[in-house]
Amino acid sequence: MIQQSANQNATNSELDAKRIIKHSDEKFYAQRDTNFKQRVCNILFDDSIEHSENEVLELIASLKQQREEV
């Protein structure tokens, strides 16, 4: 088995190359994040109305509190 380790003397360009994300990738992940948030809201609130992040967090905290009381 061959083990590779990080280059201890990596140049700036080598380090920058690892951080490059294409614009299309950013759009993909942003859309994926939006879709995930929408699915969570649909499950939590059982509707397709847009809810704020604070509403979501408050409901999750409330559900957690209810669970802890059981």
N, C-alpha and C. Protein backbone atom coordinates (compact mmCIF):
# COMPACT_ATOMS: atom_id res chain seq x y z
N MET A 1 0.85 -1.18 0.00
CA MET A 1 0.00 0.00 0.00
C MET A 1 0.89 1.24 0.00
N ILE A 2 0.62 2.15 -0.91
CA ILE A 2 1.39 3.38 -1.02
C ILE A 2 0.66 4.48 -0.28
N GLN A 3 1.37 5.16 0.58
CA GLN A 3 0.78 6.28 1.31
C GLN A 3 1.33 7.57 0.77
N GLN A 4 0.42 8.51 0.48
CA GLN A 4 0.86 9.81 0.01
C GLN A 4 0.66 10.80 1.13
N SER A 5 1.61 11.70 1.25
CA SER A 5 1.47 12.74 2.26
C SER A 5 1.48 14.10 1.58
N ALA A 6 0.96 15.08 2.29
CA ALA A 6 0.91 16.44 1.76
C ALA A 6 2.32 16.95 1.55
N ASN A 7 2.50 17.73 0.51
CA ASN A 7 3.79 18.33 0.20
C ASN A 7 4.08 19.40 1.26
N GLN A 8 5.09 19.18 2.05
CA GLN A 8 5.46 20.11 3.12
C GLN A 8 5.92 21.46 2.55
N ASN A 9 6.42 21.45 1.32
CA ASN A 9 6.96 22.66 0.69
C ASN A 9 6.11 23.09 -0.49
N ALA A 10 4.82 22.97 -0.37
CA ALA A 10 3.92 23.33 -1.47
C ALA A 10 4.04 24.81 -1.80
N THR A 11 4.00 25.10 -3.08
CA THR A 11 4.06 26.50 -3.51
C THR A 11 2.68 27.13 -3.36
N ASN A 12 2.64 28.45 -3.41
CA ASN A 12 1.37 29.15 -3.32
C ASN A 12 0.42 28.71 -4.43
N SER A 13 0.92 28.53 -5.65
CA SER A 13 0.06 28.13 -6.75
C SER A 13 -0.51 26.74 -6.51
N GLU A 14 0.26 25.84 -5.92
CA GLU A 14 -0.26 24.51 -5.60
C GLU A 14 -1.35 24.60 -4.54
N LEU A 15 -1.15 25.44 -3.56
CA LEU A 15 -2.15 25.60 -2.51
C LEU A 15 -3.41 26.26 -3.07
N ASP A 16 -3.24 27.29 -3.92
CA ASP A 16 -4.38 27.96 -4.53
C ASP A 16 -5.17 27.01 -5.41
N ALA A 17 -4.50 26.12 -6.11
CA ALA A 17 -5.17 25.18 -7.01
C ALA A 17 -6.14 24.30 -6.24
N LYS A 18 -5.85 24.00 -4.99
CA LYS A 18 -6.73 23.17 -4.18
C LYS A 18 -7.98 23.92 -3.74
N ARG A 19 -7.94 25.26 -3.79
CA ARG A 19 -9.05 26.07 -3.32
C ARG A 19 -9.97 26.52 -4.45
N ILE A 20 -9.58 26.25 -5.69
CA ILE A 20 -10.35 26.74 -6.83
C ILE A 20 -11.66 25.95 -6.95
N ILE A 21 -12.76 26.69 -6.96
CA ILE A 21 -14.06 26.09 -7.21
C ILE A 21 -14.64 26.84 -8.41
N LYS A 22 -15.06 26.11 -9.40
CA LYS A 22 -15.61 26.74 -10.58
C LYS A 22 -16.91 27.44 -10.23
N HIS A 23 -17.22 28.48 -10.97
CA HIS A 23 -18.46 29.22 -10.76
C HIS A 23 -19.66 28.28 -10.90
N SER A 24 -19.61 27.36 -11.86
CA SER A 24 -20.72 26.42 -12.04
C SER A 24 -20.87 25.52 -10.82
N ASP A 25 -19.75 25.16 -10.19
CA ASP A 25 -19.81 24.35 -8.96
C ASP A 25 -20.46 25.13 -7.84
N GLU A 26 -20.11 26.42 -7.73
CA GLU A 26 -20.71 27.26 -6.69
C GLU A 26 -22.21 27.35 -6.87
N LYS A 27 -22.65 27.53 -8.12
CA LYS A 27 -24.09 27.60 -8.40
C LYS A 27 -24.77 26.28 -8.06
N PHE A 28 -24.11 25.16 -8.38
CA PHE A 28 -24.66 23.84 -8.09
C PHE A 28 -24.87 23.66 -6.59
N TYR A 29 -23.84 23.99 -5.80
CA TYR A 29 -23.94 23.80 -4.36
C TYR A 29 -24.91 24.79 -3.72
N ALA A 30 -24.99 26.00 -4.26
CA ALA A 30 -25.96 26.97 -3.75
C ALA A 30 -27.38 26.48 -4.00
N GLN A 31 -27.63 25.94 -5.20
CA GLN A 31 -28.96 25.43 -5.52
C GLN A 31 -29.28 24.21 -4.66
N ARG A 32 -28.28 23.37 -4.46
CA ARG A 32 -28.47 22.16 -3.64
C ARG A 32 -28.81 22.56 -2.20
N ASP A 33 -28.14 23.59 -1.68
CA ASP A 33 -28.39 24.10 -0.34
C ASP A 33 -29.81 24.66 -0.25
N THR A 34 -30.22 25.41 -1.26
CA THR A 34 -31.57 25.97 -1.29
C THR A 34 -32.61 24.87 -1.33
N ASN A 35 -32.37 23.87 -2.15
CA ASN A 35 -33.32 22.75 -2.24
C ASN A 35 -33.42 22.02 -0.90
N PHE A 36 -32.29 21.83 -0.22
CA PHE A 36 -32.30 21.15 1.07
C PHE A 36 -33.10 21.96 2.09
N LYS A 37 -32.86 23.26 2.13
CA LYS A 37 -33.59 24.11 3.08
C LYS A 37 -35.09 24.06 2.81
N GLN A 38 -35.47 24.07 1.53
CA GLN A 38 -36.88 24.02 1.18
C GLN A 38 -37.50 22.70 1.60
N ARG A 39 -36.78 21.60 1.41
CA ARG A 39 -37.30 20.28 1.82
C ARG A 39 -37.48 20.22 3.33
N VAL A 40 -36.52 20.77 4.08
CA VAL A 40 -36.62 20.79 5.54
C VAL A 40 -37.85 21.59 5.97
N CYS A 41 -38.04 22.75 5.37
CA CYS A 41 -39.22 23.58 5.70
C CYS A 41 -40.51 22.86 5.37
N ASN A 42 -40.55 22.20 4.23
CA ASN A 42 -41.75 21.46 3.84
C ASN A 42 -42.07 20.36 4.85
N ILE A 43 -41.05 19.71 5.36
CA ILE A 43 -41.26 18.65 6.34
C ILE A 43 -41.67 19.24 7.69
N LEU A 44 -40.96 20.25 8.15
CA LEU A 44 -41.25 20.83 9.46
C LEU A 44 -42.63 21.48 9.53
N PHE A 45 -42.98 22.23 8.50
CA PHE A 45 -44.21 23.01 8.55
C PHE A 45 -45.35 22.38 7.76
N ASP A 46 -45.06 21.31 7.03
CA ASP A 46 -46.06 20.60 6.25
C ASP A 46 -46.79 21.53 5.28
N ASP A 47 -46.06 22.47 4.71
CA ASP A 47 -46.63 23.36 3.70
C ASP A 47 -45.50 23.86 2.81
N SER A 48 -45.87 24.57 1.77
CA SER A 48 -44.85 25.08 0.85
C SER A 48 -44.67 26.59 0.99
N ILE A 49 -45.21 27.17 2.05
CA ILE A 49 -45.04 28.59 2.31
C ILE A 49 -43.59 28.83 2.73
N GLU A 50 -43.04 29.95 2.28
CA GLU A 50 -41.65 30.25 2.64
C GLU A 50 -41.59 30.70 4.10
N HIS A 51 -40.71 30.10 4.87
CA HIS A 51 -40.52 30.42 6.29
C HIS A 51 -39.12 30.97 6.50
N SER A 52 -38.98 31.86 7.47
CA SER A 52 -37.67 32.43 7.76
C SER A 52 -36.81 31.40 8.49
N GLU A 53 -35.51 31.64 8.47
CA GLU A 53 -34.60 30.75 9.19
C GLU A 53 -34.89 30.79 10.68
N ASN A 54 -35.29 31.95 11.20
CA ASN A 54 -35.62 32.04 12.62
C ASN A 54 -36.83 31.18 12.98
N GLU A 55 -37.83 31.15 12.12
CA GLU A 55 -38.99 30.29 12.36
C GLU A 55 -38.57 28.82 12.42
N VAL A 56 -37.71 28.44 11.51
CA VAL A 56 -37.23 27.06 11.46
C VAL A 56 -36.47 26.73 12.75
N LEU A 57 -35.56 27.62 13.14
CA LEU A 57 -34.76 27.37 14.35
C LEU A 57 -35.64 27.34 15.60
N GLU A 58 -36.63 28.21 15.67
CA GLU A 58 -37.54 28.22 16.83
C GLU A 58 -38.33 26.92 16.90
N LEU A 59 -38.82 26.44 15.76
CA LEU A 59 -39.57 25.19 15.77
C LEU A 59 -38.68 24.02 16.18
N ILE A 60 -37.47 23.98 15.66
CA ILE A 60 -36.54 22.90 16.02
C ILE A 60 -36.24 22.95 17.52
N ALA A 61 -36.00 24.14 18.06
CA ALA A 61 -35.74 24.28 19.50
C ALA A 61 -36.95 23.83 20.30
N SER A 62 -38.15 24.17 19.84
CA SER A 62 -39.38 23.77 20.53
C SER A 62 -39.54 22.25 20.51
N LEU A 63 -39.29 21.65 19.36
CA LEU A 63 -39.39 20.19 19.25
C LEU A 63 -38.36 19.50 20.13
N LYS A 64 -37.17 20.07 20.20
CA LYS A 64 -36.11 19.51 21.06
C LYS A 64 -36.53 19.59 22.52
N GLN A 65 -37.09 20.74 22.91
CA GLN A 65 -37.54 20.92 24.29
C GLN A 65 -38.63 19.90 24.63
N GLN A 66 -39.58 19.71 23.73
CA GLN A 66 -40.66 18.74 23.94
C GLN A 66 -40.10 17.33 24.11
N ARG A 67 -39.11 17.03 23.31
CA ARG A 67 -38.50 15.69 23.36
C ARG A 67 -37.79 15.47 24.69
N GLU A 68 -37.12 16.51 25.18
CA GLU A 68 -36.38 16.39 26.44
C GLU A 68 -37.33 16.23 27.63
N GLU A 69 -38.54 16.76 27.50
CA GLU A 69 -39.53 16.67 28.59
C GLU A 69 -40.16 15.29 28.69
N VAL A 70 -40.05 14.50 27.63
CA VAL A 70 -40.67 13.17 27.62
C VAL A 70 -39.87 12.18 28.40
